[in-house]
Amino acid sequence: MNKILNQDTFREVPPRHLNIFTQIQVLFGGFNVLFGSLFFWFGMVFVLIFVGQSDAIHWFSMDGEWKETEGLLLEINDGNGFVNDEPIYEYVFTYSANGQSFTGKSNGLFRGEEENTLIQIEYKAENPIRSRILGMRSEVFPGWVVFIVLIFPIMGLVFLILGLKENKKALSLLINGSFTRGKMLHYEATNTRINHQTVYAYKFEFQASNKMYTAECKTHLTDKIEDEETEKILYSKADPRLNLVYDAMGAAPKLDRYGKIEQANALALKVLIPTVLGLVVNALIFILLYL
């Protein structure tokens, strides 16, 4: 008994008080949330640049059928992008539809066109301001780029959602969970590596309400999991199957010498840096490109 009491352990009964900084640290800390946030916001930069300037933005428009007419090519300007390493040019033209004159832009490869010559254009019957030169795009990039650039933000969003879900459970158990210790039953290496370290899957056994339960976790920080004879477990008294291995938490708060949770300070807000930075960078790109 003395050996266990000398180890860091919870002696604070639930419900435990956590200040706002500690709650933020637990909710937004850990690898999954950090990795997910970085990938999501980094990927959104390319979504704004490519998808926002692609034909994909018109996929769900209700503009009617394309109608052909004759137009006058006014300018051929350097474009803003490349497709298959070939430069895309911007073509400015004028045309008439429904008794009105419009100016339109198309994007495409240079095919020997000359300014101040007649060209065939097409416009939307229900929205004649949307037009393009026949055989060209009204936007810089083709619509299929959406399937490429969405890979990173979707991957990041999956990690982010899973991480926040796990952290939300951890936060709830930190406040209201009961404490015990579990004995390791089994561990094995997974196929995942983080920072060149193998992630291991662990299984612990603990007793609650005169029954035996298991707690599982995965982590690459094996020294934290294997440093004690028994590991700290937090579980729901109403349903002990809802549990967590404390030292495997993404951002587990430290315990003081009296077994109470050490409250975080304003420095804990650093876990929000990827989110705040991502929002700012994406907002600036949106303003520069579309406003």
Protein backbone atom coordinates (compact mmCIF):
# COMPACT_ATOMS: atom_id res chain seq x y z
CA MET A 1 0.00 0.00 0.00
CA ASN A 2 2.75 2.47 0.92
CA LYS A 3 4.44 1.81 -2.42
CA ILE A 4 1.33 2.83 -4.33
CA LEU A 5 0.66 5.86 -2.13
CA ASN A 6 4.18 7.09 -2.79
CA GLN A 7 3.51 7.13 -6.53
CA ASP A 8 1.68 10.00 -8.20
CA THR A 9 -2.00 9.24 -7.85
CA PHE A 10 -5.40 10.90 -7.69
CA ARG A 11 -6.49 11.76 -4.19
CA GLU A 12 -9.00 14.38 -5.33
CA VAL A 13 -12.55 13.05 -5.45
CA PRO A 14 -14.92 13.99 -8.28
CA PRO A 15 -16.24 16.36 -9.38
CA ARG A 16 -12.81 17.92 -9.84
CA HIS A 17 -12.36 21.58 -10.70
CA LEU A 18 -10.51 22.39 -13.92
CA ASN A 19 -9.90 26.02 -14.87
CA ILE A 20 -10.52 27.17 -18.43
CA PHE A 21 -6.84 26.89 -19.41
CA THR A 22 -6.65 23.27 -18.24
CA GLN A 23 -9.84 22.43 -20.12
CA ILE A 24 -8.45 24.00 -23.31
CA GLN A 25 -5.16 22.13 -22.86
CA VAL A 26 -6.94 18.79 -22.50
CA LEU A 27 -9.49 19.38 -25.26
CA PHE A 28 -7.10 20.69 -27.92
CA GLY A 29 -3.88 18.91 -26.91
CA GLY A 30 -2.45 15.65 -28.16
CA PHE A 31 -1.09 14.36 -31.45
CA ASN A 32 -4.39 13.65 -33.23
CA VAL A 33 -5.77 17.16 -32.74
CA LEU A 34 -2.47 18.85 -33.59
CA PHE A 35 -1.87 16.67 -36.66
CA GLY A 36 -5.49 16.99 -37.77
CA SER A 37 -5.52 20.77 -37.36
CA LEU A 38 -2.28 21.25 -39.31
CA PHE A 39 -3.40 19.00 -42.16
CA PHE A 40 -6.90 20.52 -42.30
CA TRP A 41 -5.83 24.16 -42.44
CA PHE A 42 -2.87 23.45 -44.72
CA GLY A 43 -5.20 21.59 -47.08
CA MET A 44 -7.78 24.37 -46.97
CA VAL A 45 -5.19 26.76 -48.44
CA PHE A 46 -5.16 24.65 -51.62
CA VAL A 47 -8.94 24.30 -51.56
CA LEU A 48 -9.29 28.09 -51.60
CA ILE A 49 -6.69 28.54 -54.32
CA PHE A 50 -7.70 25.71 -56.64
CA VAL A 51 -11.32 24.72 -55.96
CA GLY A 52 -12.43 28.33 -55.56
CA GLN A 53 -11.05 29.08 -59.03
CA SER A 54 -12.22 25.90 -60.72
CA ASP A 55 -15.32 24.87 -62.64
CA ALA A 56 -16.36 22.88 -59.57
CA ILE A 57 -17.99 26.01 -58.11
CA HIS A 58 -20.61 25.77 -60.88
CA TRP A 59 -21.45 22.08 -60.47
CA PHE A 60 -24.68 22.75 -58.60
CA SER A 61 -25.73 25.97 -60.31
CA MET A 62 -29.15 26.20 -61.96
CA ASP A 63 -28.28 28.44 -64.89
CA GLY A 64 -29.97 26.53 -67.68
CA GLU A 65 -28.44 25.30 -70.91
CA TRP A 66 -25.47 26.74 -72.78
CA LYS A 67 -26.39 28.90 -75.80
CA GLU A 68 -23.93 29.79 -78.55
CA THR A 69 -23.36 33.20 -80.07
CA GLU A 70 -20.60 35.27 -81.66
CA GLY A 71 -18.30 37.49 -79.62
CA LEU A 72 -15.33 39.81 -80.06
CA LEU A 73 -11.97 38.86 -78.50
CA LEU A 74 -10.58 41.96 -76.75
CA GLU A 75 -7.48 40.85 -74.85
CA ILE A 76 -5.23 37.85 -74.23
CA ASN A 77 -3.47 38.13 -70.85
CA ASP A 78 -1.08 35.98 -68.86
CA GLY A 79 -3.08 33.70 -66.60
CA ASN A 80 -2.76 32.67 -62.97
CA GLY A 81 -1.92 29.01 -63.24
CA PHE A 82 -0.66 25.95 -65.06
CA VAL A 83 -2.27 22.67 -66.04
CA ASN A 84 0.08 19.79 -66.89
CA ASP A 85 2.98 22.31 -66.89
CA GLU A 86 1.35 24.37 -69.64
CA PRO A 87 0.48 28.03 -68.91
CA ILE A 88 -3.16 29.06 -68.80
CA TYR A 89 -4.07 32.36 -70.46
CA GLU A 90 -6.94 34.70 -69.71
CA TYR A 91 -9.13 35.69 -72.66
CA VAL A 92 -11.34 38.79 -72.35
CA PHE A 93 -14.21 39.13 -74.78
CA THR A 94 -17.48 40.97 -75.33
CA TYR A 95 -20.82 39.62 -76.57
CA SER A 96 -24.54 40.32 -76.65
CA ALA A 97 -27.33 38.24 -75.11
CA ASN A 98 -31.01 39.03 -74.60
CA GLY A 99 -30.49 42.54 -75.98
CA GLN A 100 -27.70 43.39 -73.54
CA SER A 101 -23.93 43.66 -73.89
CA PHE A 102 -21.66 41.67 -71.58
CA THR A 103 -17.95 41.28 -71.01
CA GLY A 104 -16.69 37.81 -70.18
CA LYS A 105 -13.48 35.97 -69.39
CA SER A 106 -12.29 32.49 -70.31
CA ASN A 107 -9.24 30.50 -69.36
CA GLY A 108 -7.40 28.08 -71.59
CA LEU A 109 -4.25 27.16 -73.49
CA PHE A 110 -3.04 29.49 -76.23
CA ARG A 111 -4.22 28.19 -79.60
CA GLY A 112 -3.07 31.03 -81.89
CA GLU A 113 -6.03 33.34 -81.29
CA GLU A 114 -5.65 37.02 -82.13
CA GLU A 115 -7.11 40.05 -80.40
CA ASN A 116 -9.94 42.02 -82.09
CA THR A 117 -11.20 38.97 -83.98
CA LEU A 118 -14.57 37.28 -83.88
CA ILE A 119 -14.88 34.12 -81.79
CA GLN A 120 -17.59 31.66 -80.88
CA ILE A 121 -18.70 31.88 -77.27
CA GLU A 122 -21.43 30.29 -75.19
CA TYR A 123 -23.41 31.62 -72.26
CA LYS A 124 -25.95 30.27 -69.78
CA ALA A 125 -29.55 30.83 -70.83
CA GLU A 126 -30.75 31.66 -67.31
CA ASN A 127 -27.60 33.59 -66.33
CA PRO A 128 -26.10 35.20 -69.45
CA ILE A 129 -23.32 36.89 -67.48
CA ARG A 130 -21.72 33.45 -67.08
CA SER A 131 -19.96 32.74 -70.35
CA ARG A 132 -16.89 31.18 -71.93
CA ILE A 133 -15.18 30.83 -75.26
CA LEU A 134 -16.23 27.62 -76.95
CA GLY A 135 -13.84 24.85 -75.90
CA MET A 136 -12.44 26.82 -72.93
CA ARG A 137 -13.27 27.12 -69.23
CA SER A 138 -14.94 30.02 -67.47
CA GLU A 139 -12.61 29.41 -64.48
CA VAL A 140 -8.84 28.95 -64.21
CA PHE A 141 -8.79 25.26 -63.25
CA PRO A 142 -10.85 22.23 -64.31
CA GLY A 143 -13.39 20.85 -61.88
CA TRP A 144 -11.57 17.57 -61.28
CA VAL A 145 -8.93 19.32 -59.13
CA VAL A 146 -11.45 19.14 -56.29
CA PHE A 147 -10.82 15.41 -55.95
CA ILE A 148 -7.09 16.00 -55.47
CA VAL A 149 -6.97 19.03 -53.18
CA LEU A 150 -9.70 17.75 -50.83
CA ILE A 151 -7.55 14.76 -49.78
CA PHE A 152 -5.51 16.68 -47.21
CA PRO A 153 -8.31 18.64 -45.49
CA ILE A 154 -10.53 15.54 -45.33
CA MET A 155 -7.70 13.51 -43.83
CA GLY A 156 -7.00 16.30 -41.35
CA LEU A 157 -10.67 16.65 -40.46
CA VAL A 158 -10.94 12.92 -39.69
CA PHE A 159 -7.95 13.09 -37.32
CA LEU A 160 -9.30 16.30 -35.80
CA ILE A 161 -12.77 14.89 -35.13
CA LEU A 162 -11.39 11.65 -33.67
CA GLY A 163 -8.93 13.56 -31.50
CA LEU A 164 -11.55 15.99 -30.21
CA LYS A 165 -13.93 13.12 -29.49
CA GLU A 166 -11.26 11.28 -27.48
CA ASN A 167 -10.22 14.46 -25.68
CA LYS A 168 -13.82 15.29 -24.82
CA LYS A 169 -14.13 11.87 -23.17
CA ALA A 170 -10.88 12.48 -21.31
CA LEU A 171 -12.07 15.87 -20.09
CA SER A 172 -15.32 14.38 -18.81
CA LEU A 173 -13.49 11.60 -16.96
CA LEU A 174 -10.97 14.04 -15.49
CA ILE A 175 -13.83 15.96 -13.92
CA ASN A 176 -16.22 13.16 -12.97
CA GLY A 177 -14.30 9.90 -13.36
CA SER A 178 -13.37 7.53 -10.56
CA PHE A 179 -9.75 6.56 -10.05
CA THR A 180 -8.12 3.15 -9.80
CA ARG A 181 -5.07 1.35 -11.06
CA GLY A 182 -4.81 -1.29 -13.74
CA LYS A 183 -2.40 -4.12 -14.36
CA MET A 184 -0.99 -4.60 -17.86
CA LEU A 185 -2.36 -7.69 -19.59
CA HIS A 186 -0.90 -7.34 -23.06
CA TYR A 187 0.87 -5.01 -25.47
CA GLU A 188 1.87 -5.24 -29.12
CA ALA A 189 3.41 -3.08 -31.81
CA THR A 190 1.16 -1.53 -34.45
CA ASN A 191 2.02 -0.56 -38.02
CA THR A 192 1.88 3.14 -37.11
CA ARG A 193 4.89 5.34 -36.34
CA ILE A 194 4.95 8.85 -34.85
CA ASN A 195 8.19 10.83 -34.94
CA HIS A 196 10.00 7.65 -36.00
CA GLN A 197 8.68 5.85 -32.91
CA THR A 198 6.46 2.78 -33.13
CA VAL A 199 2.96 3.11 -31.70
CA TYR A 200 2.08 0.30 -29.28
CA ALA A 201 -1.35 -0.96 -28.30
CA TYR A 202 -1.80 -1.72 -24.59
CA LYS A 203 -4.48 -3.52 -22.63
CA PHE A 204 -4.91 -3.14 -18.86
CA GLU A 205 -7.19 -4.88 -16.38
CA PHE A 206 -8.82 -3.09 -13.45
CA GLN A 207 -11.52 -3.77 -10.87
CA ALA A 208 -14.65 -1.67 -10.42
CA SER A 209 -17.93 -2.53 -8.67
CA ASN A 210 -16.57 -6.01 -7.86
CA LYS A 211 -16.08 -6.79 -11.55
CA MET A 212 -13.04 -6.85 -13.80
CA TYR A 213 -12.83 -4.51 -16.79
CA THR A 214 -10.25 -3.72 -19.44
CA ALA A 215 -8.83 -0.37 -20.50
CA GLU A 216 -7.06 -0.02 -23.85
CA CYS A 217 -4.83 2.66 -25.28
CA LYS A 218 -2.37 3.31 -28.09
CA THR A 219 0.72 5.49 -27.74
CA HIS A 220 4.27 5.93 -28.96
CA LEU A 221 5.30 7.33 -25.56
CA THR A 222 5.98 3.90 -24.14
CA ASP A 223 8.14 5.20 -21.30
CA LYS A 224 5.07 6.85 -19.74
CA ILE A 225 3.05 3.64 -19.88
CA GLU A 226 5.73 1.24 -18.73
CA ASP A 227 7.23 3.28 -15.90
CA GLU A 228 5.03 1.87 -13.11
CA GLU A 229 3.94 -1.55 -11.93
CA THR A 230 0.32 -0.47 -12.30
CA GLU A 231 -1.10 2.37 -14.39
CA LYS A 232 -3.55 5.10 -13.45
CA ILE A 233 -7.06 4.47 -14.81
CA LEU A 234 -10.02 6.85 -14.82
CA TYR A 235 -13.45 5.33 -15.41
CA SER A 236 -17.12 6.19 -15.27
CA LYS A 237 -18.75 4.84 -12.15
CA ALA A 238 -22.03 4.46 -14.04
CA ASP A 239 -20.35 2.43 -16.79
CA PRO A 240 -16.72 1.35 -16.15
CA ARG A 241 -16.40 0.37 -19.81
CA LEU A 242 -16.03 4.10 -20.39
CA ASN A 243 -12.45 4.56 -19.23
CA LEU A 244 -8.99 5.81 -20.14
CA VAL A 245 -5.37 5.16 -19.29
CA TYR A 246 -4.29 8.46 -17.77
CA ASP A 247 -0.69 8.55 -18.98
CA ALA A 248 -1.77 7.81 -22.56
CA MET A 249 -3.83 11.01 -22.75
CA GLY A 250 -2.72 13.46 -25.38
CA ALA A 251 -2.26 16.31 -22.89
CA ALA A 252 -2.59 14.76 -19.43
CA PRO A 253 -2.28 17.42 -16.68
CA LYS A 254 0.39 16.84 -14.07
CA LEU A 255 -0.49 15.82 -10.53
CA ASP A 256 1.03 17.62 -7.56
CA ARG A 257 2.50 15.89 -4.50
CA TYR A 258 -0.96 15.86 -2.89
CA GLY A 259 -2.62 14.03 -5.77
CA LYS A 260 -4.46 17.10 -7.11
CA ILE A 261 -4.49 18.20 -10.73
CA GLU A 262 -2.09 21.06 -11.41
CA GLN A 263 -4.07 23.81 -13.11
CA ALA A 264 -2.67 25.17 -16.37
CA ASN A 265 -2.01 28.86 -17.01
CA ALA A 266 -2.32 31.06 -20.09
CA LEU A 267 0.61 29.24 -21.73
CA ALA A 268 -1.84 26.40 -22.39
CA LEU A 269 -3.33 28.56 -25.15
CA LYS A 270 -0.38 27.57 -27.34
CA VAL A 271 -2.35 24.45 -28.32
CA LEU A 272 -4.68 26.82 -30.21
CA ILE A 273 -1.87 28.27 -32.36
CA PRO A 274 -2.41 25.88 -35.34
CA THR A 275 -6.14 26.68 -35.38
CA VAL A 276 -5.73 30.44 -35.02
CA LEU A 277 -2.89 30.58 -37.54
CA GLY A 278 -4.84 28.43 -39.97
CA LEU A 279 -7.89 30.68 -39.71
CA VAL A 280 -5.84 33.84 -40.26
CA VAL A 281 -3.90 32.47 -43.26
CA ASN A 282 -7.03 31.12 -44.94
CA ALA A 283 -8.93 34.35 -44.27
CA LEU A 284 -6.14 36.40 -45.86
CA ILE A 285 -6.05 34.13 -48.92
CA PHE A 286 -9.84 34.39 -49.28
CA ILE A 287 -9.70 38.20 -49.06
CA LEU A 288 -6.85 38.46 -51.59
CA LEU A 289 -8.46 36.11 -54.11
CA TYR A 290 -12.19 36.78 -53.84
CA LEU A 291 -12.86 40.17 -52.24
